[in-house]
Protein backbone atom coordinates (compact mmCIF):
# COMPACT_ATOMS: atom_id res chain seq x y z
CA MET A 1 0.24 -27.09 -3.69
CA ALA A 2 -0.64 -25.57 -0.30
CA GLY A 3 3.05 -24.86 0.31
CA THR A 4 3.31 -22.99 -2.99
CA ALA A 5 0.29 -20.82 -2.17
CA CYS A 6 1.74 -20.04 1.23
CA CYS A 7 5.07 -19.05 -0.29
CA GLN A 8 3.31 -16.83 -2.83
CA ARG A 9 1.37 -15.04 -0.07
CA LEU A 10 4.63 -14.47 1.82
CA ALA A 11 6.29 -13.10 -1.30
CA ASP A 12 3.32 -10.80 -1.95
CA ALA A 13 3.41 -9.58 1.64
CA TRP A 14 7.14 -8.89 1.34
CA THR A 15 6.61 -6.70 -1.75
CA THR A 16 3.45 -4.92 -0.55
CA THR A 17 3.63 -1.38 0.78
CA THR A 18 0.86 0.32 2.72
CA HIS A 19 0.47 4.09 2.75
CA ARG A 20 -1.87 5.62 5.33
CA CYS A 21 -3.38 9.02 5.80
CA LYS A 22 -1.60 10.78 8.67
CA ALA A 23 -4.75 12.47 10.05
CA ALA A 24 -5.55 11.12 13.50
CA SER A 25 -9.22 10.35 12.82
CA CYS A 26 -8.75 8.98 9.27
CA ASP A 27 -8.39 5.31 8.37
CA PHE A 28 -7.74 5.77 4.62
CA THR A 29 -5.09 3.33 3.37
CA VAL A 30 -3.63 2.28 0.03
CA GLN A 31 -1.83 -1.03 -0.48
CA ILE A 32 0.39 -1.40 -3.51
CA SER A 33 2.55 -4.24 -4.76
CA ARG A 34 5.50 -4.43 -7.12
CA VAL A 35 5.68 -0.82 -8.24
CA ASP A 36 8.66 1.35 -9.07
CA ALA A 37 9.82 4.27 -6.94
CA ALA A 38 7.84 6.86 -8.93
CA ASP A 39 4.55 4.98 -8.52
CA ASN A 40 5.30 4.36 -4.86
CA ARG A 41 5.80 8.10 -4.31
CA ARG A 42 2.65 8.95 -6.29
CA TRP A 43 0.51 6.67 -4.12
CA GLN A 44 2.15 8.03 -0.98
CA GLU A 45 1.10 11.53 -2.04
CA ILE A 46 -2.42 10.32 -2.88
CA ALA A 47 -2.78 8.83 0.60
CA ALA A 48 -1.61 12.08 2.17
CA ALA A 49 -4.05 14.25 0.24
CA HIS A 50 -6.98 12.00 -0.60
CA PRO A 51 -10.34 13.67 -1.42
CA HIS A 52 -11.69 13.60 2.15
CA HIS A 53 -9.03 16.15 3.13
CA ILE A 54 -9.34 18.60 0.24
């Protein structure tokens, strides 16, 4: 069973995308898994303009 859990974590890591705020002093991040291109873009825009920057 440990091998299966390890493989699942690797698969999750492979399909996970992290979007980060580009501001130098900001550490805001969003991690998403298994989303389509539209949701990926939406979360990318959210990370770029999250409430701390408005």
